[in-house]
Amino acid sequence: VGQIKQKFGELRVYIHDALPEVNELIVKYQEISVKICEGCG
């Protein structure tokens, strides 16, 4: 794990040396994050 943070209102997850499917999951959850309040869920 390189970093997990909020940037430009989205969840940003930086993971290194992961399988390609993991990168697809990160994009999926990044898209979900823009529909969920970062403060309360």
All heavy atoms as atom14 arrays in JSON, in Angstrom:
{
  "sequence": "VGQIKQKFGELRVYIHDALPEVNELIVKYQEISVKICEGCG",
  "atom14_mask": [
    [1, 1, 1, 1, 1, 1, 1, 0, 0, 0, 0, 0, 0, 0],
    [1, 1, 1, 1, 0, 0, 0, 0, 0, 0, 0, 0, 0, 0],
    [1, 1, 1, 1, 1, 1, 1, 1, 1, 0, 0, 0, 0, 0],
    [1, 1, 1, 1, 1, 1, 1, 1, 0, 0, 0, 0, 0, 0],
    [1, 1, 1, 1, 1, 1, 1, 1, 1, 0, 0, 0, 0, 0],
    [1, 1, 1, 1, 1, 1, 1, 1, 1, 0, 0, 0, 0, 0],
    [1, 1, 1, 1, 1, 1, 1, 1, 1, 0, 0, 0, 0, 0],
    [1, 1, 1, 1, 1, 1, 1, 1, 1, 1, 1, 0, 0, 0],
    [1, 1, 1, 1, 0, 0, 0, 0, 0, 0, 0, 0, 0, 0],
    [1, 1, 1, 1, 1, 1, 1, 1, 1, 0, 0, 0, 0, 0],
    [1, 1, 1, 1, 1, 1, 1, 1, 0, 0, 0, 0, 0, 0],
    [1, 1, 1, 1, 1, 1, 1, 1, 1, 1, 1, 0, 0, 0],
    [1, 1, 1, 1, 1, 1, 1, 0, 0, 0, 0, 0, 0, 0],
    [1, 1, 1, 1, 1, 1, 1, 1, 1, 1, 1, 1, 0, 0],
    [1, 1, 1, 1, 1, 1, 1, 1, 0, 0, 0, 0, 0, 0],
    [1, 1, 1, 1, 1, 1, 1, 1, 1, 1, 0, 0, 0, 0],
    [1, 1, 1, 1, 1, 1, 1, 1, 0, 0, 0, 0, 0, 0],
    [1, 1, 1, 1, 1, 0, 0, 0, 0, 0, 0, 0, 0, 0],
    [1, 1, 1, 1, 1, 1, 1, 1, 0, 0, 0, 0, 0, 0],
    [1, 1, 1, 1, 1, 1, 1, 0, 0, 0, 0, 0, 0, 0],
    [1, 1, 1, 1, 1, 1, 1, 1, 1, 0, 0, 0, 0, 0],
    [1, 1, 1, 1, 1, 1, 1, 0, 0, 0, 0, 0, 0, 0],
    [1, 1, 1, 1, 1, 1, 1, 1, 0, 0, 0, 0, 0, 0],
    [1, 1, 1, 1, 1, 1, 1, 1, 1, 0, 0, 0, 0, 0],
    [1, 1, 1, 1, 1, 1, 1, 1, 0, 0, 0, 0, 0, 0],
    [1, 1, 1, 1, 1, 1, 1, 1, 0, 0, 0, 0, 0, 0],
    [1, 1, 1, 1, 1, 1, 1, 0, 0, 0, 0, 0, 0, 0],
    [1, 1, 1, 1, 1, 1, 1, 1, 1, 0, 0, 0, 0, 0],
    [1, 1, 1, 1, 1, 1, 1, 1, 1, 1, 1, 1, 0, 0],
    [1, 1, 1, 1, 1, 1, 1, 1, 1, 0, 0, 0, 0, 0],
    [1, 1, 1, 1, 1, 1, 1, 1, 1, 0, 0, 0, 0, 0],
    [1, 1, 1, 1, 1, 1, 1, 1, 0, 0, 0, 0, 0, 0],
    [1, 1, 1, 1, 1, 1, 0, 0, 0, 0, 0, 0, 0, 0],
    [1, 1, 1, 1, 1, 1, 1, 0, 0, 0, 0, 0, 0, 0],
    [1, 1, 1, 1, 1, 1, 1, 1, 1, 0, 0, 0, 0, 0],
    [1, 1, 1, 1, 1, 1, 1, 1, 0, 0, 0, 0, 0, 0],
    [1, 1, 1, 1, 1, 1, 0, 0, 0, 0, 0, 0, 0, 0],
    [1, 1, 1, 1, 1, 1, 1, 1, 1, 0, 0, 0, 0, 0],
    [1, 1, 1, 1, 0, 0, 0, 0, 0, 0, 0, 0, 0, 0],
    [1, 1, 1, 1, 1, 1, 0, 0, 0, 0, 0, 0, 0, 0],
    [1, 1, 1, 1, 0, 0, 0, 0, 0, 0, 0, 0, 0, 0]
  ],
  "atom14_positions": [
    [[0.87, -1.17, 0.0], [0.0, 0.0, 0.0], [0.91, 1.22, 0.0], [1.8, 1.35, 0.84], [-0.93, 0.02, 1.23], [-1.79, 1.28, 1.23], [-1.81, -1.23, 1.26], [0.0, 0.0, 0.0], [0.0, 0.0, 0.0], [0.0, 0.0, 0.0], [0.0, 0.0, 0.0], [0.0, 0.0, 0.0], [0.0, 0.0, 0.0], [0.0, 0.0, 0.0]],
    [[0.69, 2.11, -0.96], [1.48, 3.33, -1.05], [0.81, 4.5, -0.34], [1.44, 5.27, 0.36], [0.0, 0.0, 0.0], [0.0, 0.0, 0.0], [0.0, 0.0, 0.0], [0.0, 0.0, 0.0], [0.0, 0.0, 0.0], [0.0, 0.0, 0.0], [0.0, 0.0, 0.0], [0.0, 0.0, 0.0], [0.0, 0.0, 0.0], [0.0, 0.0, 0.0]],
    [[-0.51, 4.61, -0.54], [-1.25, 5.71, 0.06], [-2.74, 5.48, -0.13], [-3.18, 4.93, -1.14], [-0.85, 7.04, -0.6], [-1.32, 8.26, 0.1], [-0.72, 9.54, -0.49], [-0.29, 9.57, -1.63], [-0.72, 10.59, 0.29], [0.0, 0.0, 0.0], [0.0, 0.0, 0.0], [0.0, 0.0, 0.0], [0.0, 0.0, 0.0], [0.0, 0.0, 0.0]],
    [[-3.52, 5.9, 0.87], [-4.98, 5.9, 0.78], [-5.44, 7.25, 1.31], [-5.16, 7.59, 2.47], [-5.6, 4.74, 1.59], [-5.17, 3.4, 0.99], [-7.13, 4.88, 1.62], [-5.69, 2.17, 1.72], [0.0, 0.0, 0.0], [0.0, 0.0, 0.0], [0.0, 0.0, 0.0], [0.0, 0.0, 0.0], [0.0, 0.0, 0.0], [0.0, 0.0, 0.0]],
    [[-6.13, 8.0, 0.44], [-6.51, 9.36, 0.82], [-7.71, 9.84, 0.03], [-8.17, 9.18, -0.89], [-5.34, 10.31, 0.59], [-4.96, 10.47, -0.88], [-3.79, 11.41, -1.03], [-3.43, 11.63, -2.49], [-2.37, 12.64, -2.61], [0.0, 0.0, 0.0], [0.0, 0.0, 0.0], [0.0, 0.0, 0.0], [0.0, 0.0, 0.0], [0.0, 0.0, 0.0]],
    [[-8.2, 11.01, 0.37], [-9.21, 11.71, -0.38], [-8.5, 12.74, -1.24], [-7.63, 13.46, -0.77], [-10.19, 12.4, 0.56], [-11.33, 13.13, -0.13], [-10.98, 14.54, -0.6], [-11.19, 14.86, -1.76], [-10.46, 15.38, 0.28], [0.0, 0.0, 0.0], [0.0, 0.0, 0.0], [0.0, 0.0, 0.0], [0.0, 0.0, 0.0], [0.0, 0.0, 0.0]],
    [[-8.85, 12.77, -2.51], [-8.28, 13.79, -3.41], [-9.35, 14.16, -4.42], [-9.94, 13.27, -5.04], [-7.04, 13.25, -4.11], [-6.36, 14.27, -4.99], [-5.06, 13.7, -5.54], [-4.36, 14.75, -6.38], [-3.09, 14.22, -6.9], [0.0, 0.0, 0.0], [0.0, 0.0, 0.0], [0.0, 0.0, 0.0], [0.0, 0.0, 0.0], [0.0, 0.0, 0.0]],
    [[-9.61, 15.43, -4.56], [-10.64, 15.93, -5.47], [-11.99, 15.26, -5.21], [-12.74, 14.98, -6.13], [-10.22, 15.77, -6.93], [-8.95, 16.51, -7.28], [-7.86, 15.82, -7.75], [-8.86, 17.88, -7.12], [-6.69, 16.49, -8.07], [-7.7, 18.56, -7.43], [-6.6, 17.86, -7.91], [0.0, 0.0, 0.0], [0.0, 0.0, 0.0], [0.0, 0.0, 0.0]],
    [[-12.28, 14.98, -3.94], [-13.56, 14.4, -3.55], [-13.69, 12.91, -3.77], [-14.76, 12.36, -3.54], [0.0, 0.0, 0.0], [0.0, 0.0, 0.0], [0.0, 0.0, 0.0], [0.0, 0.0, 0.0], [0.0, 0.0, 0.0], [0.0, 0.0, 0.0], [0.0, 0.0, 0.0], [0.0, 0.0, 0.0], [0.0, 0.0, 0.0], [0.0, 0.0, 0.0]],
    [[-12.63, 12.27, -4.21], [-12.66, 10.83, -4.47], [-11.69, 10.1, -3.55], [-10.69, 10.65, -3.12], [-12.2, 10.51, -5.9], [-13.09, 11.0, -6.98], [-12.56, 10.63, -8.36], [-11.38, 10.26, -8.5], [-13.34, 10.72, -9.3], [0.0, 0.0, 0.0], [0.0, 0.0, 0.0], [0.0, 0.0, 0.0], [0.0, 0.0, 0.0], [0.0, 0.0, 0.0]],
    [[-12.02, 8.85, -3.29], [-11.09, 7.97, -2.6], [-9.97, 7.64, -3.57], [-10.23, 7.23, -4.7], [-11.8, 6.69, -2.16], [-10.92, 5.62, -1.51], [-10.37, 6.12, -0.18], [-11.73, 4.34, -1.31], [0.0, 0.0, 0.0], [0.0, 0.0, 0.0], [0.0, 0.0, 0.0], [0.0, 0.0, 0.0], [0.0, 0.0, 0.0], [0.0, 0.0, 0.0]],
    [[-8.74, 7.83, -3.15], [-7.59, 7.48, -3.98], [-6.8, 6.41, -3.24], [-6.45, 6.58, -2.07], [-6.68, 8.68, -4.24], [-7.35, 9.79, -5.03], [-7.65, 9.33, -6.46], [-8.41, 10.32, -7.19], [-7.89, 11.24, -8.0], [-6.6, 11.29, -8.2], [-8.68, 12.1, -8.61], [0.0, 0.0, 0.0], [0.0, 0.0, 0.0], [0.0, 0.0, 0.0]],
    [[-6.56, 5.31, -3.91], [-5.84, 4.19, -3.34], [-4.68, 3.86, -4.25], [-4.88, 3.58, -5.43], [-6.76, 2.95, -3.17], [-5.98, 1.78, -2.62], [-7.94, 3.28, -2.28], [0.0, 0.0, 0.0], [0.0, 0.0, 0.0], [0.0, 0.0, 0.0], [0.0, 0.0, 0.0], [0.0, 0.0, 0.0], [0.0, 0.0, 0.0], [0.0, 0.0, 0.0]],
    [[-3.48, 3.92, -3.7], [-2.27, 3.62, -4.46], [-1.68, 2.34, -3.88], [-1.24, 2.32, -2.73], [-1.28, 4.77, -4.38], [-1.86, 6.07, -4.87], [-2.37, 7.02, -3.99], [-1.94, 6.34, -6.24], [-2.92, 8.2, -4.44], [-2.49, 7.52, -6.7], [-2.98, 8.46, -5.79], [-3.53, 9.63, -6.25], [0.0, 0.0, 0.0], [0.0, 0.0, 0.0]],
    [[-1.73, 1.28, -4.68], [-1.2, -0.01, -4.27], [-0.19, -0.44, -5.32], [-0.46, -0.35, -6.53], [-2.31, -1.06, -4.1], [-3.21, -0.67, -2.91], [-1.72, -2.45, -3.88], [-4.32, -1.65, -2.61], [0.0, 0.0, 0.0], [0.0, 0.0, 0.0], [0.0, 0.0, 0.0], [0.0, 0.0, 0.0], [0.0, 0.0, 0.0], [0.0, 0.0, 0.0]],
    [[0.97, -0.91, -4.87], [2.04, -1.31, -5.78], [2.2, -2.83, -5.78], [1.93, -3.49, -4.79], [3.36, -0.65, -5.36], [3.22, 0.82, -5.09], [3.0, 1.73, -6.09], [3.24, 1.53, -3.94], [2.9, 2.94, -5.57], [3.03, 2.84, -4.26], [0.0, 0.0, 0.0], [0.0, 0.0, 0.0], [0.0, 0.0, 0.0], [0.0, 0.0, 0.0]],
    [[2.65, -3.35, -6.9], [2.94, -4.78, -7.06], [1.7, -5.65, -6.89], [1.79, -6.78, -6.41], [4.04, -5.23, -6.09], [5.29, -4.38, -6.21], [5.68, -4.08, -7.35], [5.87, -4.02, -5.18], [0.0, 0.0, 0.0], [0.0, 0.0, 0.0], [0.0, 0.0, 0.0], [0.0, 0.0, 0.0], [0.0, 0.0, 0.0], [0.0, 0.0, 0.0]],
    [[0.55, -5.15, -7.29], [-0.7, -5.9, -7.16], [-1.06, -6.55, -8.49], [-0.6, -6.14, -9.55], [-1.82, -4.97, -6.73], [0.0, 0.0, 0.0], [0.0, 0.0, 0.0], [0.0, 0.0, 0.0], [0.0, 0.0, 0.0], [0.0, 0.0, 0.0], [0.0, 0.0, 0.0], [0.0, 0.0, 0.0], [0.0, 0.0, 0.0], [0.0, 0.0, 0.0]],
    [[-1.92, -7.55, -8.41], [-2.46, -8.18, -9.62], [-3.31, -7.15, -10.38], [-3.9, -6.26, -9.77], [-3.32, -9.38, -9.25], [-2.61, -10.56, -8.6], [-3.63, -11.6, -8.14], [-1.61, -11.18, -9.56], [0.0, 0.0, 0.0], [0.0, 0.0, 0.0], [0.0, 0.0, 0.0], [0.0, 0.0, 0.0], [0.0, 0.0, 0.0], [0.0, 0.0, 0.0]],
    [[-3.4, -7.27, -11.71], [-4.21, -6.32, -12.49], [-5.65, -6.21, -12.02], [-6.24, -5.13, -12.06], [-4.13, -6.88, -13.92], [-2.88, -7.69, -13.96], [-2.71, -8.24, -12.56], [0.0, 0.0, 0.0], [0.0, 0.0, 0.0], [0.0, 0.0, 0.0], [0.0, 0.0, 0.0], [0.0, 0.0, 0.0], [0.0, 0.0, 0.0], [0.0, 0.0, 0.0]],
    [[-6.23, -7.32, -11.55], [-7.61, -7.28, -11.07], [-7.77, -6.34, -9.89], [-8.84, -5.76, -9.69], [-8.09, -8.68, -10.66], [-8.12, -9.69, -11.78], [-6.86, -10.55, -11.85], [-5.76, -10.06, -11.55], [-6.99, -11.73, -12.22], [0.0, 0.0, 0.0], [0.0, 0.0, 0.0], [0.0, 0.0, 0.0], [0.0, 0.0, 0.0], [0.0, 0.0, 0.0]],
    [[-6.72, -6.2, -9.1], [-6.77, -5.3, -7.94], [-6.91, -3.86, -8.42], [-7.67, -3.08, -7.85], [-5.53, -5.48, -7.04], [-5.45, -4.4, -5.98], [-5.55, -6.86, -6.39], [0.0, 0.0, 0.0], [0.0, 0.0, 0.0], [0.0, 0.0, 0.0], [0.0, 0.0, 0.0], [0.0, 0.0, 0.0], [0.0, 0.0, 0.0], [0.0, 0.0, 0.0]],
    [[-6.19, -3.51, -9.47], [-6.31, -2.15, -10.01], [-7.73, -1.88, -10.5], [-8.24, -0.77, -10.35], [-5.29, -1.94, -11.12], [-3.87, -2.01, -10.6], [-3.58, -1.55, -9.5], [-2.99, -2.61, -11.36], [0.0, 0.0, 0.0], [0.0, 0.0, 0.0], [0.0, 0.0, 0.0], [0.0, 0.0, 0.0], [0.0, 0.0, 0.0], [0.0, 0.0, 0.0]],
    [[-8.38, -2.89, -11.07], [-9.77, -2.74, -11.51], [-10.68, -2.52, -10.29], [-11.63, -1.72, -10.35], [-10.21, -3.98, -12.29], [-9.48, -4.13, -13.62], [-9.73, -5.48, -14.28], [-10.68, -6.2, -13.88], [-8.95, -5.81, -15.2], [0.0, 0.0, 0.0], [0.0, 0.0, 0.0], [0.0, 0.0, 0.0], [0.0, 0.0, 0.0], [0.0, 0.0, 0.0]],
    [[-10.42, -3.23, -9.2], [-11.21, -3.04, -7.98], [-11.04, -1.63, -7.42], [-12.0, -1.02, -6.96], [-10.79, -4.06, -6.91], [-11.25, -5.49, -7.12], [-10.64, -6.4, -6.05], [-12.76, -5.58, -7.09], [0.0, 0.0, 0.0], [0.0, 0.0, 0.0], [0.0, 0.0, 0.0], [0.0, 0.0, 0.0], [0.0, 0.0, 0.0], [0.0, 0.0, 0.0]],
    [[-9.83, -1.14, -7.48], [-9.57, 0.22, -6.98], [-10.41, 1.23, -7.75], [-11.03, 2.12, -7.15], [-8.07, 0.55, -7.05], [-7.31, -0.29, -6.01], [-7.82, 2.03, -6.84], [-5.8, -0.26, -6.15], [0.0, 0.0, 0.0], [0.0, 0.0, 0.0], [0.0, 0.0, 0.0], [0.0, 0.0, 0.0], [0.0, 0.0, 0.0], [0.0, 0.0, 0.0]],
    [[-10.46, 1.09, -9.06], [-11.28, 2.0, -9.88], [-12.75, 1.86, -9.5], [-13.46, 2.86, -9.35], [-11.06, 1.71, -11.38], [-12.07, 2.47, -12.23], [-9.63, 2.06, -11.79], [0.0, 0.0, 0.0], [0.0, 0.0, 0.0], [0.0, 0.0, 0.0], [0.0, 0.0, 0.0], [0.0, 0.0, 0.0], [0.0, 0.0, 0.0], [0.0, 0.0, 0.0]],
    [[-13.21, 0.64, -9.31], [-14.6, 0.39, -8.91], [-14.94, 1.13, -7.62], [-15.96, 1.83, -7.53], [-14.83, -1.11, -8.73], [-16.15, -1.48, -8.12], [-16.23, -2.98, -7.86], [-17.37, -3.37, -6.96], [-17.41, -4.81, -6.69], [0.0, 0.0, 0.0], [0.0, 0.0, 0.0], [0.0, 0.0, 0.0], [0.0, 0.0, 0.0], [0.0, 0.0, 0.0]],
    [[-14.09, 1.0, -6.62], [-14.38, 1.61, -5.32], [-14.14, 3.13, -5.33], [-14.78, 3.86, -4.57], [-13.61, 0.91, -4.2], [-14.29, -0.39, -3.86], [-13.84, -1.6, -4.39], [-15.42, -0.42, -3.06], [-14.5, -2.79, -4.12], [-16.09, -1.6, -2.78], [-15.62, -2.78, -3.31], [-16.29, -3.95, -3.03], [0.0, 0.0, 0.0], [0.0, 0.0, 0.0]],
    [[-13.29, 3.58, -6.2], [-13.11, 5.02, -6.38], [-14.41, 5.62, -6.91], [-14.86, 6.68, -6.44], [-11.96, 5.26, -7.36], [-11.47, 6.67, -7.44], [-10.18, 6.74, -8.25], [-9.2, 6.09, -7.94], [-10.21, 7.53, -9.3], [0.0, 0.0, 0.0], [0.0, 0.0, 0.0], [0.0, 0.0, 0.0], [0.0, 0.0, 0.0], [0.0, 0.0, 0.0]],
    [[-15.03, 4.94, -7.85], [-16.32, 5.4, -8.4], [-17.42, 5.35, -7.36], [-18.29, 6.22, -7.32], [-16.68, 4.57, -9.63], [-15.77, 4.83, -10.81], [-15.96, 3.87, -11.98], [-16.81, 2.94, -11.87], [-15.26, 4.03, -12.99], [0.0, 0.0, 0.0], [0.0, 0.0, 0.0], [0.0, 0.0, 0.0], [0.0, 0.0, 0.0], [0.0, 0.0, 0.0]],
    [[-17.41, 4.36, -6.5], [-18.4, 4.28, -5.42], [-18.22, 5.44, -4.44], [-19.2, 6.01, -3.95], [-18.28, 2.92, -4.68], [-18.75, 1.79, -5.6], [-19.07, 2.93, -3.37], [-18.46, 0.39, -5.07], [0.0, 0.0, 0.0], [0.0, 0.0, 0.0], [0.0, 0.0, 0.0], [0.0, 0.0, 0.0], [0.0, 0.0, 0.0], [0.0, 0.0, 0.0]],
    [[-16.98, 5.81, -4.17], [-16.7, 6.83, -3.15], [-17.32, 8.19, -3.47], [-17.62, 8.95, -2.55], [-15.19, 6.98, -2.93], [-14.58, 7.66, -4.02], [0.0, 0.0, 0.0], [0.0, 0.0, 0.0], [0.0, 0.0, 0.0], [0.0, 0.0, 0.0], [0.0, 0.0, 0.0], [0.0, 0.0, 0.0], [0.0, 0.0, 0.0], [0.0, 0.0, 0.0]],
    [[-17.51, 8.51, -4.74], [-18.06, 9.83, -5.08], [-19.57, 9.9, -4.84], [-20.17, 10.95, -5.04], [-17.72, 10.24, -6.53], [-16.22, 10.31, -6.74], [-18.38, 9.34, -7.55], [0.0, 0.0, 0.0], [0.0, 0.0, 0.0], [0.0, 0.0, 0.0], [0.0, 0.0, 0.0], [0.0, 0.0, 0.0], [0.0, 0.0, 0.0], [0.0, 0.0, 0.0]],
    [[-20.14, 8.81, -4.34], [-21.57, 8.77, -4.03], [-21.82, 8.57, -2.55], [-22.96, 8.4, -2.12], [-22.24, 7.64, -4.81], [-22.11, 7.78, -6.31], [-22.62, 6.55, -7.01], [-22.26, 6.61, -8.49], [-22.39, 5.33, -9.14], [0.0, 0.0, 0.0], [0.0, 0.0, 0.0], [0.0, 0.0, 0.0], [0.0, 0.0, 0.0], [0.0, 0.0, 0.0]],
    [[-20.75, 8.56, -1.75], [-20.84, 8.28, -0.31], [-20.16, 9.41, 0.46], [-19.01, 9.77, 0.16], [-20.16, 6.94, 0.04], [-20.77, 5.78, -0.74], [-20.18, 6.68, 1.54], [-22.2, 5.47, -0.4], [0.0, 0.0, 0.0], [0.0, 0.0, 0.0], [0.0, 0.0, 0.0], [0.0, 0.0, 0.0], [0.0, 0.0, 0.0], [0.0, 0.0, 0.0]],
    [[-20.83, 9.94, 1.47], [-20.24, 10.99, 2.29], [-19.0, 10.46, 2.99], [-19.05, 9.45, 3.7], [-21.25, 11.49, 3.33], [-20.56, 12.69, 4.49], [0.0, 0.0, 0.0], [0.0, 0.0, 0.0], [0.0, 0.0, 0.0], [0.0, 0.0, 0.0], [0.0, 0.0, 0.0], [0.0, 0.0, 0.0], [0.0, 0.0, 0.0], [0.0, 0.0, 0.0]],
    [[-17.9, 11.16, 2.8], [-16.65, 10.77, 3.43], [-16.72, 10.89, 4.95], [-16.03, 10.18, 5.67], [-15.51, 11.66, 2.91], [-14.18, 11.36, 3.51], [-13.1, 12.37, 3.15], [-13.36, 13.3, 2.36], [-12.0, 12.23, 3.69], [0.0, 0.0, 0.0], [0.0, 0.0, 0.0], [0.0, 0.0, 0.0], [0.0, 0.0, 0.0], [0.0, 0.0, 0.0]],
    [[-17.58, 11.74, 5.44], [-17.67, 11.96, 6.88], [-18.5, 10.93, 7.63], [-18.09, 10.44, 8.67], [0.0, 0.0, 0.0], [0.0, 0.0, 0.0], [0.0, 0.0, 0.0], [0.0, 0.0, 0.0], [0.0, 0.0, 0.0], [0.0, 0.0, 0.0], [0.0, 0.0, 0.0], [0.0, 0.0, 0.0], [0.0, 0.0, 0.0], [0.0, 0.0, 0.0]],
    [[-19.68, 10.6, 7.07], [-20.6, 9.74, 7.83], [-21.06, 8.49, 7.08], [-21.67, 7.61, 7.68], [-21.82, 10.53, 8.28], [-22.89, 11.07, 6.91], [0.0, 0.0, 0.0], [0.0, 0.0, 0.0], [0.0, 0.0, 0.0], [0.0, 0.0, 0.0], [0.0, 0.0, 0.0], [0.0, 0.0, 0.0], [0.0, 0.0, 0.0], [0.0, 0.0, 0.0]],
    [[-20.81, 8.41, 5.78], [-21.14, 7.2, 5.03], [-22.52, 7.17, 4.4], [-22.87, 6.17, 3.78], [0.0, 0.0, 0.0], [0.0, 0.0, 0.0], [0.0, 0.0, 0.0], [0.0, 0.0, 0.0], [0.0, 0.0, 0.0], [0.0, 0.0, 0.0], [0.0, 0.0, 0.0], [0.0, 0.0, 0.0], [0.0, 0.0, 0.0], [0.0, 0.0, 0.0]]
  ]
}
